[in-house]
Amino acid sequence: MGGVAKNKKSKSKEIKDYVSWFEIPAVDFHQAVHFYNQIFGIEMAQNITDVNAMAFFPVTTGIGGAVISGPGSVPSDTGPLIYLNGGKDLSTVLNKVEEAGGRIVMPKTPIGEDAGYFAIFIDCQGNKLALHSKN
């Protein structure tokens, strides 16, 4: 049954957010946690077990995520690109990336009218991520 899938409107409830959770892999867990704490000015809660370690981005509403280290957690600069919230102006976070051990691969760039800005960086573990802000 080849062919093009038809775009039908679903009668079920529409999905609000297509991302519900994200995990950023790390080999050096403590270095990665320090990196994100430093660039965002946060303190991530940690859960370390014999199998893996997780540090959680603090959220009160919206999508949450964590830095994770353990079996199968392999940093990569290929594959899906996660856009992290850069706050009111992503420059505040982006300007801390290199000092924290990361590398900027695309500076703050306008997306288009009313869409805001984005930038792409490689974190201290080798993961490629992006930032987004309205300003």
Protein backbone atom coordinates (compact mmCIF):
# COMPACT_ATOMS: atom_id res chain seq x y z
CA MET A 1 0.00 0.00 0.00
CA GLY A 2 2.38 2.71 -1.17
CA GLY A 3 1.51 6.29 -1.69
CA VAL A 4 1.46 9.50 0.19
CA ALA A 5 -0.07 9.60 3.65
CA LYS A 6 -3.13 11.79 3.78
CA ASN A 7 -3.23 14.59 6.29
CA LYS A 8 -6.45 13.91 8.18
CA LYS A 9 -7.59 15.92 11.14
CA SER A 10 -7.81 13.69 14.14
CA LYS A 11 -11.01 13.64 16.14
CA SER A 12 -8.95 12.86 19.24
CA LYS A 13 -7.39 15.53 21.43
CA GLU A 14 -4.49 17.25 19.69
CA ILE A 15 -1.05 16.89 21.22
CA LYS A 16 0.06 20.16 22.82
CA ASP A 17 3.81 19.50 23.01
CA TYR A 18 5.61 16.95 20.87
CA VAL A 19 8.50 16.77 23.29
CA SER A 20 7.69 15.48 26.76
CA TRP A 21 11.18 14.84 28.17
CA PHE A 22 14.79 15.07 27.00
CA GLU A 23 18.06 13.55 28.15
CA ILE A 24 21.50 14.87 27.31
CA PRO A 25 24.09 12.06 27.47
CA ALA A 26 27.40 12.51 29.27
CA VAL A 27 30.53 10.43 29.77
CA ASP A 28 31.95 12.75 32.45
CA PHE A 29 28.79 13.32 34.48
CA HIS A 30 30.18 15.86 36.94
CA GLN A 31 31.80 17.92 34.17
CA ALA A 32 28.52 17.98 32.22
CA VAL A 33 26.46 18.98 35.27
CA HIS A 34 28.94 21.77 36.03
CA PHE A 35 28.71 22.96 32.39
CA TYR A 36 24.91 23.32 32.43
CA ASN A 37 24.86 24.76 35.96
CA GLN A 38 27.38 27.36 34.82
CA ILE A 39 25.81 28.44 31.53
CA PHE A 40 22.25 28.62 32.89
CA GLY A 41 23.15 29.81 36.40
CA ILE A 42 21.23 26.92 37.98
CA GLU A 43 21.81 24.11 40.47
CA MET A 44 20.65 20.76 39.10
CA ALA A 45 19.30 18.17 41.56
CA GLN A 46 21.14 14.86 41.13
CA ASN A 47 20.21 11.20 41.47
CA ILE A 48 23.24 8.89 41.35
CA THR A 49 22.84 5.10 41.49
CA ASP A 50 25.14 2.15 40.82
CA VAL A 51 23.83 2.01 37.24
CA ASN A 52 23.47 5.60 36.11
CA ALA A 53 23.52 9.23 37.19
CA MET A 54 20.95 11.91 36.36
CA ALA A 55 20.90 15.65 37.01
CA PHE A 56 17.57 17.38 36.43
CA PHE A 57 16.97 20.78 34.85
CA PRO A 58 14.79 22.68 37.36
CA VAL A 59 11.32 23.31 35.92
CA THR A 60 8.02 24.27 37.47
CA THR A 61 5.99 24.11 34.26
CA GLY A 62 6.70 22.93 30.75
CA ILE A 63 9.08 20.30 29.43
CA GLY A 64 11.72 18.84 31.73
CA GLY A 65 14.93 17.04 31.05
CA ALA A 66 18.18 15.80 32.49
CA VAL A 67 21.85 15.15 31.95
CA ILE A 68 22.34 11.38 32.10
CA SER A 69 25.41 9.19 32.37
CA GLY A 70 25.47 5.40 32.27
CA PRO A 71 25.15 2.47 29.86
CA GLY A 72 23.98 3.63 26.43
CA SER A 73 24.48 7.34 27.21
CA VAL A 74 26.81 8.33 24.40
CA PRO A 75 27.32 12.02 23.53
CA SER A 76 26.91 12.89 19.84
CA ASP A 77 27.04 15.87 17.53
CA THR A 78 24.77 14.12 15.00
CA GLY A 79 21.13 13.14 15.19
CA PRO A 80 18.19 15.12 16.57
CA LEU A 81 18.81 18.69 17.66
CA ILE A 82 17.34 19.79 20.99
CA TYR A 83 16.53 23.48 21.37
CA LEU A 84 16.94 24.69 24.93
CA ASN A 85 15.14 27.80 26.13
CA GLY A 86 17.59 30.70 26.08
CA GLY A 87 15.36 32.90 28.25
CA LYS A 88 14.64 36.50 27.28
CA ASP A 89 17.89 36.78 25.28
CA LEU A 90 19.88 33.65 24.43
CA SER A 91 23.10 35.70 24.40
CA THR A 92 23.13 35.54 28.21
CA VAL A 93 23.50 31.73 28.09
CA LEU A 94 25.51 31.55 24.85
CA ASN A 95 28.15 33.95 26.17
CA LYS A 96 28.97 31.41 28.92
CA VAL A 97 29.34 28.34 26.66
CA GLU A 98 33.03 28.66 25.78
CA GLU A 99 34.10 29.64 29.31
CA ALA A 100 32.29 26.52 30.58
CA GLY A 101 34.15 24.24 28.14
CA GLY A 102 31.80 24.21 25.13
CA ARG A 103 32.13 25.53 21.60
CA ILE A 104 29.80 27.81 19.60
CA VAL A 105 29.21 26.49 16.07
CA MET A 106 26.55 29.00 15.01
CA PRO A 107 26.28 32.40 16.68
CA LYS A 108 22.99 34.07 17.59
CA THR A 109 21.06 34.15 14.31
CA PRO A 110 17.65 35.64 13.47
CA ILE A 111 15.06 33.07 12.40
CA GLY A 112 12.55 35.43 10.88
CA GLU A 113 10.05 38.11 11.77
CA ASP A 114 8.46 37.35 15.16
CA ALA A 115 10.16 33.91 15.37
CA GLY A 116 13.12 35.07 17.44
CA TYR A 117 16.71 33.87 17.37
CA PHE A 118 18.69 30.66 17.65
CA ALA A 119 22.28 29.58 18.15
CA ILE A 120 23.98 26.17 18.03
CA PHE A 121 26.74 24.95 20.34
CA ILE A 122 28.67 21.81 21.24
CA ASP A 123 28.62 21.13 25.00
CA CYS A 124 31.61 19.95 27.03
CA GLN A 125 30.72 16.30 26.27
CA GLY A 126 30.48 16.70 22.47
CA ASN A 127 26.66 16.99 22.18
CA LYS A 128 25.28 19.42 19.62
CA LEU A 129 22.44 21.53 21.04
CA ALA A 130 20.67 24.76 20.21
CA LEU A 131 19.29 27.74 22.09
CA HIS A 132 16.17 29.73 21.21
CA SER A 133 14.87 33.07 22.44
CA LYS A 134 12.45 35.71 21.22
CA ASN A 135 15.11 38.45 21.54
